[in-house]
Amino acid sequence: MKTLSKSSHIPLYQQVVEWIRESIYSGELVEDDRIPSEFQIMDMLEVSRGTVKKAVDQLVREGVLVQVQGKGTFVKKENVAYPLGEGLLSFAEALASQKINFTTSVITSRLEPANRFVAEKL
């Protein structure tokens, strides 16, 4: 189990946010899973209820989690609608148009000469 650093320059609530994110990215929590209750997270990470609440609220605002009254807090299902026939959109444009937060990163980059077919079209 991960422990949080109370002496870190990173606020505790942000460390809780990252702990929940890591649980999702690692597959420990998947779409529609109920996350541990505030009290369970308090016990696991030895933080206050206010810290947990602030972290969960941030993830709800970001669209990572959804709260259901009387049921709990769940990992939100990512529903991406890709409008067909309404012009061409990149995947990033489709996400942005639906206000879905995302990040991109360049894994590799290289220059290659275009083949004759591509060169003619340019």
PDB file of N, CA and C in Angstrom:
ATOM      1  N   MET A   1       0.835  -1.175   0.000  1.00  0.00           N
ATOM      2  CA  MET A   1       0.000   0.000   0.000  1.00  0.00           C
ATOM      3  C   MET A   1       0.884   1.244   0.000  1.00  0.00           C
ATOM      4  N   LYS A   2       0.487   2.222  -0.787  1.00  0.00           N
ATOM      5  CA  LYS A   2       1.249   3.465  -0.891  1.00  0.00           C
ATOM      6  C   LYS A   2       1.034   4.322   0.349  1.00  0.00           C
ATOM      7  N   THR A   3       2.099   4.959   0.768  1.00  0.00           N
ATOM      8  CA  THR A   3       1.967   5.931   1.852  1.00  0.00           C
ATOM      9  C   THR A   3       2.231   7.311   1.270  1.00  0.00           C
ATOM     10  N   LEU A   4       1.610   8.298   1.859  1.00  0.00           N
ATOM     11  CA  LEU A   4       1.775   9.661   1.396  1.00  0.00           C
ATOM     12  C   LEU A   4       2.851  10.351   2.210  1.00  0.00           C
ATOM     13  N   SER A   5       3.477  11.333   1.598  1.00  0.00           N
ATOM     14  CA  SER A   5       4.536  12.076   2.274  1.00  0.00           C
ATOM     15  C   SER A   5       3.977  13.384   2.813  1.00  0.00           C
ATOM     16  N   LYS A   6       3.873  13.457   4.122  1.00  0.00           N
ATOM     17  CA  LYS A   6       3.350  14.678   4.741  1.00  0.00           C
ATOM     18  C   LYS A   6       4.370  15.813   4.694  1.00  0.00           C
ATOM     19  N   SER A   7       5.635  15.490   4.407  1.00  0.00           N
ATOM     20  CA  SER A   7       6.663  16.526   4.324  1.00  0.00           C
ATOM     21  C   SER A   7       6.910  16.980   2.884  1.00  0.00           C
ATOM     22  N   SER A   8       6.171  16.407   1.942  1.00  0.00           N
ATOM     23  CA  SER A   8       6.338  16.748   0.533  1.00  0.00           C
ATOM     24  C   SER A   8       5.823  18.152   0.246  1.00  0.00           C
ATOM     25  N   HIS A   9       6.368  18.763  -0.793  1.00  0.00           N
ATOM     26  CA  HIS A   9       5.867  20.065  -1.238  1.00  0.00           C
ATOM     27  C   HIS A   9       4.536  19.918  -1.978  1.00  0.00           C
ATOM     28  N   ILE A  10       4.188  18.685  -2.336  1.00  0.00           N
ATOM     29  CA  ILE A  10       2.913  18.412  -3.011  1.00  0.00           C
ATOM     30  C   ILE A  10       1.829  18.289  -1.947  1.00  0.00           C
ATOM     31  N   PRO A  11       0.743  19.070  -2.054  1.00  0.00           N
ATOM     32  CA  PRO A  11      -0.312  19.002  -1.041  1.00  0.00           C
ATOM     33  C   PRO A  11      -0.870  17.583  -0.904  1.00  0.00           C
ATOM     34  N   LEU A  12      -1.288  17.240   0.310  1.00  0.00           N
ATOM     35  CA  LEU A  12      -1.810  15.892   0.570  1.00  0.00           C
ATOM     36  C   LEU A  12      -2.983  15.544  -0.333  1.00  0.00           C
ATOM     37  N   TYR A  13      -3.906  16.483  -0.534  1.00  0.00           N
ATOM     38  CA  TYR A  13      -5.067  16.153  -1.365  1.00  0.00           C
ATOM     39  C   TYR A  13      -4.629  15.802  -2.781  1.00  0.00           C
ATOM     40  N   GLN A  14      -3.573  16.480  -3.284  1.00  0.00           N
ATOM     41  CA  GLN A  14      -3.075  16.186  -4.631  1.00  0.00           C
ATOM     42  C   GLN A  14      -2.416  14.806  -4.667  1.00  0.00           C
ATOM     43  N   GLN A  15      -1.768  14.411  -3.592  1.00  0.00           N
ATOM     44  CA  GLN A  15      -1.198  13.067  -3.510  1.00  0.00           C
ATOM     45  C   GLN A  15      -2.314  12.021  -3.516  1.00  0.00           C
ATOM     46  N   VAL A  16      -3.442  12.330  -2.865  1.00  0.00           N
ATOM     47  CA  VAL A  16      -4.591  11.413  -2.882  1.00  0.00           C
ATOM     48  C   VAL A  16      -5.161  11.329  -4.298  1.00  0.00           C
ATOM     49  N   VAL A  17      -5.244  12.471  -4.987  1.00  0.00           N
ATOM     50  CA  VAL A  17      -5.695  12.486  -6.385  1.00  0.00           C
ATOM     51  C   VAL A  17      -4.830  11.536  -7.208  1.00  0.00           C
ATOM     52  N   GLU A  18      -3.511  11.658  -7.065  1.00  0.00           N
ATOM     53  CA  GLU A  18      -2.597  10.810  -7.840  1.00  0.00           C
ATOM     54  C   GLU A  18      -2.711   9.345  -7.437  1.00  0.00           C
ATOM     55  N   TRP A  19      -2.977   9.068  -6.175  1.00  0.00           N
ATOM     56  CA  TRP A  19      -3.155   7.691  -5.704  1.00  0.00           C
ATOM     57  C   TRP A  19      -4.387   7.070  -6.368  1.00  0.00           C
ATOM     58  N   ILE A  20      -5.480   7.827  -6.443  1.00  0.00           N
ATOM     59  CA  ILE A  20      -6.694   7.321  -7.092  1.00  0.00           C
ATOM     60  C   ILE A  20      -6.453   7.136  -8.583  1.00  0.00           C
ATOM     61  N   ARG A  21      -5.804   8.132  -9.224  1.00  0.00           N
ATOM     62  CA  ARG A  21      -5.490   8.007 -10.657  1.00  0.00           C
ATOM     63  C   ARG A  21      -4.662   6.757 -10.936  1.00  0.00           C
ATOM     64  N   GLU A  22      -3.649   6.527 -10.111  1.00  0.00           N
ATOM     65  CA  GLU A  22      -2.783   5.359 -10.294  1.00  0.00           C
ATOM     66  C   GLU A  22      -3.587   4.075 -10.151  1.00  0.00           C
ATOM     67  N   SER A  23      -4.547   4.061  -9.242  1.00  0.00           N
ATOM     68  CA  SER A  23      -5.406   2.883  -9.085  1.00  0.00           C
ATOM     69  C   SER A  23      -6.210   2.626 -10.353  1.00  0.00           C
ATOM     70  N   ILE A  24      -6.581   3.692 -11.043  1.00  0.00           N
ATOM     71  CA  ILE A  24      -7.331   3.552 -12.293  1.00  0.00           C
ATOM     72  C   ILE A  24      -6.397   3.144 -13.424  1.00  0.00           C
ATOM     73  N   TYR A  25      -5.264   3.851 -13.579  1.00  0.00           N
ATOM     74  CA  TYR A  25      -4.340   3.569 -14.676  1.00  0.00           C
ATOM     75  C   TYR A  25      -3.729   2.179 -14.576  1.00  0.00           C
ATOM     76  N   SER A  26      -3.557   1.679 -13.356  1.00  0.00           N
ATOM     77  CA  SER A  26      -2.967   0.353 -13.183  1.00  0.00           C
ATOM     78  C   SER A  26      -3.978  -0.761 -13.424  1.00  0.00           C
ATOM     79  N   GLY A  27      -5.256  -0.399 -13.531  1.00  0.00           N
ATOM     80  CA  GLY A  27      -6.292  -1.409 -13.745  1.00  0.00           C
ATOM     81  C   GLY A  27      -6.879  -1.951 -12.460  1.00  0.00           C
ATOM     82  N   GLU A  28      -6.382  -1.472 -11.328  1.00  0.00           N
ATOM     83  CA  GLU A  28      -6.936  -1.895 -10.040  1.00  0.00           C
ATOM     84  C   GLU A  28      -8.402  -1.462  -9.935  1.00  0.00           C
ATOM     85  N   LEU A  29      -8.699  -0.283 -10.465  1.00  0.00           N
ATOM     86  CA  LEU A  29     -10.076   0.203 -10.584  1.00  0.00           C
ATOM     87  C   LEU A  29     -10.364   0.392 -12.066  1.00  0.00           C
ATOM     88  N   VAL A  30     -11.514  -0.077 -12.520  1.00  0.00           N
ATOM     89  CA  VAL A  30     -11.887   0.069 -13.925  1.00  0.00           C
ATOM     90  C   VAL A  30     -13.223   0.798 -14.020  1.00  0.00           C
ATOM     91  N   GLU A  31     -13.628   1.118 -15.247  1.00  0.00           N
ATOM     92  CA  GLU A  31     -14.879   1.835 -15.471  1.00  0.00           C
ATOM     93  C   GLU A  31     -16.023   1.198 -14.697  1.00  0.00           C
ATOM     94  N   ASP A  32     -16.823   2.034 -14.080  1.00  0.00           N
ATOM     95  CA  ASP A  32     -18.003   1.645 -13.297  1.00  0.00           C
ATOM     96  C   ASP A  32     -17.670   1.037 -11.941  1.00  0.00           C
ATOM     97  N   ASP A  33     -16.394   0.864 -11.607  1.00  0.00           N
ATOM     98  CA  ASP A  33     -16.037   0.370 -10.267  1.00  0.00           C
ATOM     99  C   ASP A  33     -16.332   1.451  -9.239  1.00  0.00           C
ATOM    100  N   ARG A  34     -16.792   1.028  -8.083  1.00  0.00           N
ATOM    101  CA  ARG A  34     -16.990   1.937  -6.958  1.00  0.00           C
ATOM    102  C   ARG A  34     -15.640   2.090  -6.271  1.00  0.00           C
ATOM    103  N   ILE A  35     -15.217   3.333  -6.053  1.00  0.00           N
ATOM    104  CA  ILE A  35     -13.951   3.536  -5.349  1.00  0.00           C
ATOM    105  C   ILE A  35     -14.194   3.333  -3.855  1.00  0.00           C
ATOM    106  N   PRO A  36     -13.145   3.120  -3.083  1.00  0.00           N
ATOM    107  CA  PRO A  36     -13.328   2.994  -1.632  1.00  0.00           C
ATOM    108  C   PRO A  36     -14.016   4.243  -1.069  1.00  0.00           C
ATOM    109  N   SER A  37     -14.746   4.061   0.016  1.00  0.00           N
ATOM    110  CA  SER A  37     -15.441   5.186   0.650  1.00  0.00           C
ATOM    111  C   SER A  37     -14.428   6.186   1.205  1.00  0.00           C
ATOM    112  N   GLU A  38     -14.918   7.381   1.517  1.00  0.00           N
ATOM    113  CA  GLU A  38     -14.045   8.394   2.118  1.00  0.00           C
ATOM    114  C   GLU A  38     -13.370   7.842   3.367  1.00  0.00           C
ATOM    115  N   PHE A  39     -14.147   7.137   4.190  1.00  0.00           N
ATOM    116  CA  PHE A  39     -13.592   6.610   5.436  1.00  0.00           C
ATOM    117  C   PHE A  39     -12.545   5.522   5.176  1.00  0.00           C
ATOM    118  N   GLN A  40     -12.768   4.691   4.159  1.00  0.00           N
ATOM    119  CA  GLN A  40     -11.774   3.664   3.822  1.00  0.00           C
ATOM    120  C   GLN A  40     -10.475   4.309   3.344  1.00  0.00           C
ATOM    121  N   ILE A  41     -10.594   5.330   2.502  1.00  0.00           N
ATOM    122  CA  ILE A  41      -9.394   6.018   2.011  1.00  0.00           C
ATOM    123  C   ILE A  41      -8.684   6.716   3.168  1.00  0.00           C
ATOM    124  N   MET A  42      -9.471   7.310   4.080  1.00  0.00           N
ATOM    125  CA  MET A  42      -8.878   7.946   5.263  1.00  0.00           C
ATOM    126  C   MET A  42      -8.036   6.941   6.039  1.00  0.00           C
ATOM    127  N   ASP A  43      -8.583   5.745   6.255  1.00  0.00           N
ATOM    128  CA  ASP A  43      -7.864   4.709   7.000  1.00  0.00           C
ATOM    129  C   ASP A  43      -6.638   4.212   6.241  1.00  0.00           C
ATOM    130  N   MET A  44      -6.793   3.983   4.925  1.00  0.00           N
ATOM    131  CA  MET A  44      -5.690   3.447   4.124  1.00  0.00           C
ATOM    132  C   MET A  44      -4.516   4.413   4.043  1.00  0.00           C
ATOM    133  N   LEU A  45      -4.816   5.700   3.862  1.00  0.00           N
ATOM    134  CA  LEU A  45      -3.760   6.686   3.617  1.00  0.00           C
ATOM    135  C   LEU A  45      -3.448   7.560   4.823  1.00  0.00           C
ATOM    136  N   GLU A  46      -4.210   7.373   5.897  1.00  0.00           N
ATOM    137  CA  GLU A  46      -4.010   8.141   7.127  1.00  0.00           C
ATOM    138  C   GLU A  46      -4.069   9.643   6.875  1.00  0.00           C
ATOM    139  N   VAL A  47      -5.176  10.063   6.246  1.00  0.00           N
ATOM    140  CA  VAL A  47      -5.418  11.477   5.982  1.00  0.00           C
ATOM    141  C   VAL A  47      -6.802  11.845   6.508  1.00  0.00           C
ATOM    142  N   SER A  48      -7.084  13.134   6.543  1.00  0.00           N
ATOM    143  CA  SER A  48      -8.374  13.598   7.059  1.00  0.00           C
ATOM    144  C   SER A  48      -9.468  13.451   6.004  1.00  0.00           C
ATOM    145  N   ARG A  49     -10.706  13.512   6.475  1.00  0.00           N
ATOM    146  CA  ARG A  49     -11.848  13.408   5.573  1.00  0.00           C
ATOM    147  C   ARG A  49     -11.856  14.586   4.598  1.00  0.00           C
ATOM    148  N   GLY A  50     -11.497  15.772   5.077  1.00  0.00           N
ATOM    149  CA  GLY A  50     -11.450  16.946   4.207  1.00  0.00           C
ATOM    150  C   GLY A  50     -10.471  16.773   3.060  1.00  0.00           C
ATOM    151  N   THR A  51      -9.338  16.135   3.341  1.00  0.00           N
ATOM    152  CA  THR A  51      -8.329  15.880   2.305  1.00  0.00           C
ATOM    153  C   THR A  51      -8.884  14.940   1.248  1.00  0.00           C
ATOM    154  N   VAL A  52      -9.542  13.871   1.690  1.00  0.00           N
ATOM    155  CA  VAL A  52     -10.128  12.900   0.752  1.00  0.00           C
ATOM    156  C   VAL A  52     -11.230  13.574  -0.060  1.00  0.00           C
ATOM    157  N   LYS A  53     -12.076  14.326   0.612  1.00  0.00           N
ATOM    158  CA  LYS A  53     -13.194  14.992  -0.066  1.00  0.00           C
ATOM    159  C   LYS A  53     -12.687  15.955  -1.136  1.00  0.00           C
ATOM    160  N   LYS A  54     -11.648  16.712  -0.828  1.00  0.00           N
ATOM    161  CA  LYS A  54     -11.082  17.662  -1.795  1.00  0.00           C
ATOM    162  C   LYS A  54     -10.522  16.923  -3.013  1.00  0.00           C
ATOM    163  N   ALA A  55      -9.859  15.788  -2.773  1.00  0.00           N
ATOM    164  CA  ALA A  55      -9.293  14.997  -3.872  1.00  0.00           C
ATOM    165  C   ALA A  55     -10.399  14.425  -4.757  1.00  0.00           C
ATOM    166  N   VAL A  56     -11.414  13.849  -4.127  1.00  0.00           N
ATOM    167  CA  VAL A  56     -12.520  13.255  -4.889  1.00  0.00           C
ATOM    168  C   VAL A  56     -13.261  14.339  -5.669  1.00  0.00           C
ATOM    169  N   ASP A  57     -13.507  15.482  -5.040  1.00  0.00           N
ATOM    170  CA  ASP A  57     -14.188  16.588  -5.725  1.00  0.00           C
ATOM    171  C   ASP A  57     -13.420  17.024  -6.967  1.00  0.00           C
ATOM    172  N   GLN A  58     -12.093  17.077  -6.864  1.00  0.00           N
ATOM    173  CA  GLN A  58     -11.283  17.467  -8.026  1.00  0.00           C
ATOM    174  C   GLN A  58     -11.453  16.460  -9.158  1.00  0.00           C
ATOM    175  N   LEU A  59     -11.412  15.166  -8.828  1.00  0.00           N
ATOM    176  CA  LEU A  59     -11.544  14.142  -9.867  1.00  0.00           C
ATOM    177  C   LEU A  59     -12.950  14.117 -10.465  1.00  0.00           C
ATOM    178  N   VAL A  60     -13.949  14.476  -9.679  1.00  0.00           N
ATOM    179  CA  VAL A  60     -15.313  14.594 -10.211  1.00  0.00           C
ATOM    180  C   VAL A  60     -15.372  15.767 -11.189  1.00  0.00           C
ATOM    181  N   ARG A  61     -14.791  16.905 -10.818  1.00  0.00           N
ATOM    182  CA  ARG A  61     -14.765  18.074 -11.711  1.00  0.00           C
ATOM    183  C   ARG A  61     -14.036  17.762 -13.015  1.00  0.00           C
ATOM    184  N   GLU A  62     -12.985  16.942 -12.934  1.00  0.00           N
ATOM    185  CA  GLU A  62     -12.203  16.592 -14.127  1.00  0.00           C
ATOM    186  C   GLU A  62     -12.891  15.529 -14.975  1.00  0.00           C
ATOM    187  N   GLY A  63     -13.968  14.939 -14.459  1.00  0.00           N
ATOM    188  CA  GLY A  63     -14.681  13.924 -15.223  1.00  0.00           C
ATOM    189  C   GLY A  63     -14.099  12.532 -15.106  1.00  0.00           C
ATOM    190  N   VAL A  64     -13.222  12.316 -14.135  1.00  0.00           N
ATOM    191  CA  VAL A  64     -12.622  10.993 -13.928  1.00  0.00           C
ATOM    192  C   VAL A  64     -13.553  10.119 -13.095  1.00  0.00           C
ATOM    193  N   LEU A  65     -14.220  10.748 -12.111  1.00  0.00           N
ATOM    194  CA  LEU A  65     -15.139  10.042 -11.222  1.00  0.00           C
ATOM    195  C   LEU A  65     -16.526  10.651 -11.344  1.00  0.00           C
ATOM    196  N   VAL A  66     -17.529   9.870 -10.953  1.00  0.00           N
ATOM    197  CA  VAL A  66     -18.898  10.365 -10.890  1.00  0.00           C
ATOM    198  C   VAL A  66     -19.489   9.931  -9.558  1.00  0.00           C
ATOM    199  N   GLN A  67     -20.200  10.860  -8.896  1.00  0.00           N
ATOM    200  CA  GLN A  67     -20.821  10.544  -7.617  1.00  0.00           C
ATOM    201  C   GLN A  67     -22.307  10.296  -7.836  1.00  0.00           C
ATOM    202  N   VAL A  68     -22.807   9.204  -7.233  1.00  0.00           N
ATOM    203  CA  VAL A  68     -24.219   8.859  -7.316  1.00  0.00           C
ATOM    204  C   VAL A  68     -24.777   8.904  -5.903  1.00  0.00           C
ATOM    205  N   GLN A  69     -25.738   9.798  -5.689  1.00  0.00           N
ATOM    206  CA  GLN A  69     -26.313   9.988  -4.357  1.00  0.00           C
ATOM    207  C   GLN A  69     -26.801   8.663  -3.780  1.00  0.00           C
ATOM    208  N   GLY A  70     -26.341   8.347  -2.590  1.00  0.00           N
ATOM    209  CA  GLY A  70     -26.771   7.141  -1.896  1.00  0.00           C
ATOM    210  C   GLY A  70     -26.098   5.863  -2.361  1.00  0.00           C
ATOM    211  N   LYS A  71     -25.269   5.949  -3.397  1.00  0.00           N
ATOM    212  CA  LYS A  71     -24.612   4.751  -3.947  1.00  0.00           C
ATOM    213  C   LYS A  71     -23.103   4.775  -3.757  1.00  0.00           C
ATOM    214  N   GLY A  72     -22.495   5.941  -3.970  1.00  0.00           N
ATOM    215  CA  GLY A  72     -21.047   6.042  -3.841  1.00  0.00           C
ATOM    216  C   GLY A  72     -20.429   6.806  -4.993  1.00  0.00           C
ATOM    217  N   THR A  73     -19.127   6.677  -5.101  1.00  0.00           N
ATOM    218  CA  THR A  73     -18.358   7.350  -6.145  1.00  0.00           C
ATOM    219  C   THR A  73     -17.755   6.283  -7.044  1.00  0.00           C
ATOM    220  N   PHE A  74     -17.904   6.480  -8.352  1.00  0.00           N
ATOM    221  CA  PHE A  74     -17.524   5.464  -9.323  1.00  0.00           C
ATOM    222  C   PHE A  74     -16.558   6.027 -10.356  1.00  0.00           C
ATOM    223  N   VAL A  75     -15.758   5.119 -10.936  1.00  0.00           N
ATOM    224  CA  VAL A  75     -14.892   5.487 -12.051  1.00  0.00           C
ATOM    225  C   VAL A  75     -15.811   5.732 -13.240  1.00  0.00           C
ATOM    226  N   LYS A  76     -15.695   6.902 -13.819  1.00  0.00           N
ATOM    227  CA  LYS A  76     -16.593   7.290 -14.905  1.00  0.00           C
ATOM    228  C   LYS A  76     -16.245   6.559 -16.186  1.00  0.00           C
ATOM    229  N   LYS A  77     -17.270   6.153 -16.874  1.00  0.00           N
ATOM    230  CA  LYS A  77     -17.109   5.520 -18.177  1.00  0.00           C
ATOM    231  C   LYS A  77     -16.781   6.615 -19.185  1.00  0.00           C
ATOM    232  N   GLU A  78     -15.792   6.376 -19.997  1.00  0.00           N
ATOM    233  CA  GLU A  78     -15.434   7.345 -21.034  1.00  0.00           C
ATOM    234  C   GLU A  78     -16.270   7.060 -22.270  1.00  0.00           C
ATOM    235  N   ASN A  79     -17.270   7.876 -22.501  1.00  0.00           N
ATOM    236  CA  ASN A  79     -18.100   7.756 -23.695  1.00  0.00           C
ATOM    237  C   ASN A  79     -17.692   8.849 -24.659  1.00  0.00           C
ATOM    238  N   VAL A  80     -17.099   8.449 -25.743  1.00  0.00           N
ATOM    239  CA  VAL A  80     -16.665   9.414 -26.741  1.00  0.00           C
ATOM    240  C   VAL A  80     -17.519   9.224 -27.980  1.00  0.00           C
ATOM    241  N   ALA A  81     -18.309  10.226 -28.302  1.00  0.00           N
ATOM    242  CA  ALA A  81     -19.108  10.174 -29.525  1.00  0.00           C
ATOM    243  C   ALA A  81     -18.262  10.759 -30.646  1.00  0.00           C
ATOM    244  N   TYR A  82     -18.193  10.050 -31.733  1.00  0.00           N
ATOM    245  CA  TYR A  82     -17.413  10.504 -32.868  1.00  0.00           C
ATOM    246  C   TYR A  82     -18.390  10.754 -34.008  1.00  0.00           C
ATOM    247  N   PRO A  83     -18.747  12.015 -34.255  1.00  0.00           N
ATOM    248  CA  PRO A  83     -19.789  12.317 -35.237  1.00  0.00           C
ATOM    249  C   PRO A  83     -19.359  11.946 -36.653  1.00  0.00           C
ATOM    250  N   LEU A  84     -20.093  11.040 -37.264  1.00  0.00           N
ATOM    251  CA  LEU A  84     -19.792  10.629 -38.633  1.00  0.00           C
ATOM    252  C   LEU A  84     -20.570  11.512 -39.599  1.00  0.00           C
ATOM    253  N   GLY A  85     -19.970  11.820 -40.705  1.00  0.00           N
ATOM    254  CA  GLY A  85     -20.657  12.582 -41.728  1.00  0.00           C
ATOM    255  C   GLY A  85     -20.768  14.071 -41.430  1.00  0.00           C
ATOM    256  N   GLU A  86     -20.161  14.535 -40.383  1.00  0.00           N
ATOM    257  CA  GLU A  86     -20.218  15.958 -40.044  1.00  0.00           C
ATOM    258  C   GLU A  86     -18.862  16.614 -40.274  1.00  0.00           C
ATOM    259  N   GLY A  87     -18.158  16.173 -41.262  1.00  0.00           N
ATOM    260  CA  GLY A  87     -16.829  16.699 -41.516  1.00  0.00           C
ATOM    261  C   GLY A  87     -15.795  15.849 -40.806  1.00  0.00           C
ATOM    262  N   LEU A  88     -14.576  16.030 -41.197  1.00  0.00           N
ATOM    263  CA  LEU A  88     -13.506  15.249 -40.601  1.00  0.00           C
ATOM    264  C   LEU A  88     -12.985  15.938 -39.353  1.00  0.00           C
ATOM    265  N   LEU A  89     -12.887  15.177 -38.287  1.00  0.00           N
ATOM    266  CA  LEU A  89     -12.309  15.655 -37.036  1.00  0.00           C
ATOM    267  C   LEU A  89     -11.209  14.704 -36.629  1.00  0.00           C
ATOM    268  N   SER A  90     -10.170  15.253 -36.069  1.00  0.00           N
ATOM    269  CA  SER A  90      -9.176  14.368 -35.469  1.00  0.00           C
ATOM    270  C   SER A  90      -9.766  13.833 -34.175  1.00  0.00           C
ATOM    271  N   PHE A  91      -9.189  12.779 -33.663  1.00  0.00           N
ATOM    272  CA  PHE A  91      -9.666  12.221 -32.396  1.00  0.00           C
ATOM    273  C   PHE A  91      -9.570  13.275 -31.301  1.00  0.00           C
ATOM    274  N   ALA A  92      -8.485  14.051 -31.292  1.00  0.00           N
ATOM    275  CA  ALA A  92      -8.306  15.102 -30.291  1.00  0.00           C
ATOM    276  C   ALA A  92      -9.402  16.161 -30.412  1.00  0.00           C
ATOM    277  N   GLU A  93      -9.765  16.532 -31.646  1.00  0.00           N
ATOM    278  CA  GLU A  93     -10.838  17.510 -31.833  1.00  0.00           C
ATOM    279  C   GLU A  93     -12.174  16.965 -31.350  1.00  0.00           C
ATOM    280  N   ALA A  94     -12.418  15.671 -31.579  1.00  0.00           N
ATOM    281  CA  ALA A  94     -13.663  15.053 -31.113  1.00  0.00           C
ATOM    282  C   ALA A  94     -13.732  15.074 -29.589  1.00  0.00           C
ATOM    283  N   LEU A  95     -12.618  14.766 -28.932  1.00  0.00           N
ATOM    284  CA  LEU A  95     -12.587  14.806 -27.467  1.00  0.00           C
ATOM    285  C   LEU A  95     -12.787  16.228 -26.960  1.00  0.00           C
ATOM    286  N   ALA A  96     -12.073  17.167 -27.549  1.00  0.00           N
ATOM    287  CA  ALA A  96     -12.153  18.556 -27.105  1.00  0.00           C
ATOM    288  C   ALA A  96     -13.561  19.115 -27.294  1.00  0.00           C
ATOM    289  N   SER A  97     -14.227  18.748 -28.389  1.00  0.00           N
ATOM    290  CA  SER A  97     -15.576  19.261 -28.636  1.00  0.00           C
ATOM    291  C   SER A  97     -16.566  18.767 -27.593  1.00  0.00           C
ATOM    292  N   GLN A  98     -16.248  17.648 -26.943  1.00  0.00           N
ATOM    293  CA  GLN A  98     -17.121  17.095 -25.902  1.00  0.00           C
ATOM    294  C   GLN A  98     -16.622  17.448 -24.504  1.00  0.00           C
ATOM    295  N   LYS A  99     -15.642  18.350 -24.455  1.00  0.00           N
ATOM    296  CA  LYS A  99     -15.070  18.808 -23.182  1.00  0.00           C
ATOM    297  C   LYS A  99     -14.525  17.654 -22.345  1.00  0.00           C
ATOM    298  N   ILE A 100     -13.907  16.686 -23.024  1.00  0.00           N
ATOM    299  CA  ILE A 100     -13.261  15.563 -22.346  1.00  0.00           C
ATOM    300  C   ILE A 100     -11.785  15.904 -22.218  1.00  0.00           C
ATOM    301  N   ASN A 101     -11.299  15.934 -20.988  1.00  0.00           N
ATOM    302  CA  ASN A 101      -9.895  16.257 -20.747  1.00  0.00           C
ATOM    303  C   ASN A 101      -9.005  15.126 -21.239  1.00  0.00           C
ATOM    304  N   PHE A 102      -7.917  15.490 -21.894  1.00  0.00           N
ATOM    305  CA  PHE A 102      -6.972  14.495 -22.373  1.00  0.00           C
ATOM    306  C   PHE A 102      -5.597  15.127 -22.472  1.00  0.00           C
ATOM    307  N   THR A 103      -4.605  14.287 -22.556  1.00  0.00           N
ATOM    308  CA  THR A 103      -3.253  14.762 -22.811  1.00  0.00           C
ATOM    309  C   THR A 103      -2.665  13.920 -23.928  1.00  0.00           C
ATOM    310  N   THR A 104      -1.729  14.490 -24.619  1.00  0.00           N
ATOM    311  CA  THR A 104      -1.018  13.747 -25.646  1.00  0.00           C
ATOM    312  C   THR A 104       0.466  13.843 -25.357  1.00  0.00           C
ATOM    313  N   SER A 105       1.194  12.869 -25.830  1.00  0.00           N
ATOM    314  CA  SER A 105       2.642  12.922 -25.685  1.00  0.00           C
ATOM    315  C   SER A 105       3.284  12.275 -26.899  1.00  0.00           C
ATOM    316  N   VAL A 106       4.397  12.829 -27.311  1.00  0.00           N
ATOM    317  CA  VAL A 106       5.147  12.298 -28.442  1.00  0.00           C
ATOM    318  C   VAL A 106       6.029  11.177 -27.921  1.00  0.00           C
ATOM    319  N   ILE A 107       5.841   9.982 -28.469  1.00  0.00           N
ATOM    320  CA  ILE A 107       6.628   8.831 -28.035  1.00  0.00           C
ATOM    321  C   ILE A 107       7.911   8.739 -28.852  1.00  0.00           C
ATOM    322  N   THR A 108       7.784   8.875 -30.153  1.00  0.00           N
ATOM    323  CA  THR A 108       8.968   8.924 -31.012  1.00  0.00           C
ATOM    324  C   THR A 108       8.723   9.966 -32.098  1.00  0.00           C
ATOM    325  N   SER A 109       9.785  10.472 -32.636  1.00  0.00           N
ATOM    326  CA  SER A 109       9.691  11.461 -33.698  1.00  0.00           C
ATOM    327  C   SER A 109      10.833  11.217 -34.672  1.00  0.00           C
ATOM    328  N   ARG A 110      10.505  11.250 -35.964  1.00  0.00           N
ATOM    329  CA  ARG A 110      11.557  11.080 -36.969  1.00  0.00           C
ATOM    330  C   ARG A 110      11.084  11.684 -38.291  1.00  0.00           C
ATOM    331  N   LEU A 111      12.016  12.041 -39.129  1.00  0.00           N
ATOM    332  CA  LEU A 111      11.725  12.541 -40.464  1.00  0.00           C
ATOM    333  C   LEU A 111      11.991  11.436 -41.462  1.00  0.00           C
ATOM    334  N   GLU A 112      11.061  11.257 -42.375  1.00  0.00           N
ATOM    335  CA  GLU A 112      11.244  10.266 -43.428  1.00  0.00           C
ATOM    336  C   GLU A 112      10.868  10.910 -44.750  1.00  0.00           C
ATOM    337  N   PRO A 113      11.602  10.594 -45.799  1.00  0.00           N
ATOM    338  CA  PRO A 113      11.230  11.150 -47.099  1.00  0.00           C
ATOM    339  C   PRO A 113       9.891  10.558 -47.550  1.00  0.00           C
ATOM    340  N   ALA A 114       9.081  11.398 -48.181  1.00  0.00           N
ATOM    341  CA  ALA A 114       7.784  10.930 -48.675  1.00  0.00           C
ATOM    342  C   ALA A 114       7.991  10.044 -49.890  1.00  0.00           C
ATOM    343  N   ASN A 115       7.163   9.005 -49.998  1.00  0.00           N
ATOM    344  CA  ASN A 115       7.241   8.188 -51.215  1.00  0.00           C
ATOM    345  C   ASN A 115       6.653   8.989 -52.377  1.00  0.00           C
ATOM    346  N   ARG A 116       6.782   8.481 -53.587  1.00  0.00           N
ATOM    347  CA  ARG A 116       6.386   9.224 -54.778  1.00  0.00           C
ATOM    348  C   ARG A 116       4.903   9.598 -54.737  1.00  0.00           C
ATOM    349  N   PHE A 117       4.042   8.694 -54.318  1.00  0.00           N
ATOM    350  CA  PHE A 117       2.603   8.946 -54.264  1.00  0.00           C
ATOM    351  C   PHE A 117       2.284  10.101 -53.315  1.00  0.00           C
ATOM    352  N   VAL A 118       2.850  10.062 -52.129  1.00  0.00           N
ATOM    353  CA  VAL A 118       2.605  11.113 -51.141  1.00  0.00           C
ATOM    354  C   VAL A 118       3.205  12.429 -51.620  1.00  0.00           C
ATOM    355  N   ALA A 119       4.406  12.376 -52.176  1.00  0.00           N
ATOM    356  CA  ALA A 119       5.071  13.590 -52.657  1.00  0.00           C
ATOM    357  C   ALA A 119       4.235  14.276 -53.737  1.00  0.00           C
ATOM    358  N   GLU A 120       3.607  13.502 -54.620  1.00  0.00           N
ATOM    359  CA  GLU A 120       2.765  14.084 -55.668  1.00  0.00           C
ATOM    360  C   GLU A 120       1.537  14.770 -55.078  1.00  0.00           C
ATOM    361  N   LYS A 121       1.015  14.226 -53.991  1.00  0.00           N
ATOM    362  CA  LYS A 121      -0.188  14.795 -53.370  1.00  0.00           C
ATOM    363  C   LYS A 121       0.121  16.043 -52.552  1.00  0.00           C
ATOM    364  N   LEU A 122       1.375  16.184 -52.142  1.00  0.00           N
ATOM    365  CA  LEU A 122       1.759  17.366 -51.374  1.00  0.00           C
ATOM    366  C   LEU A 122       1.916  18.530 -52.310  1.00  0.00           C
TER     367      LEU A 122
END
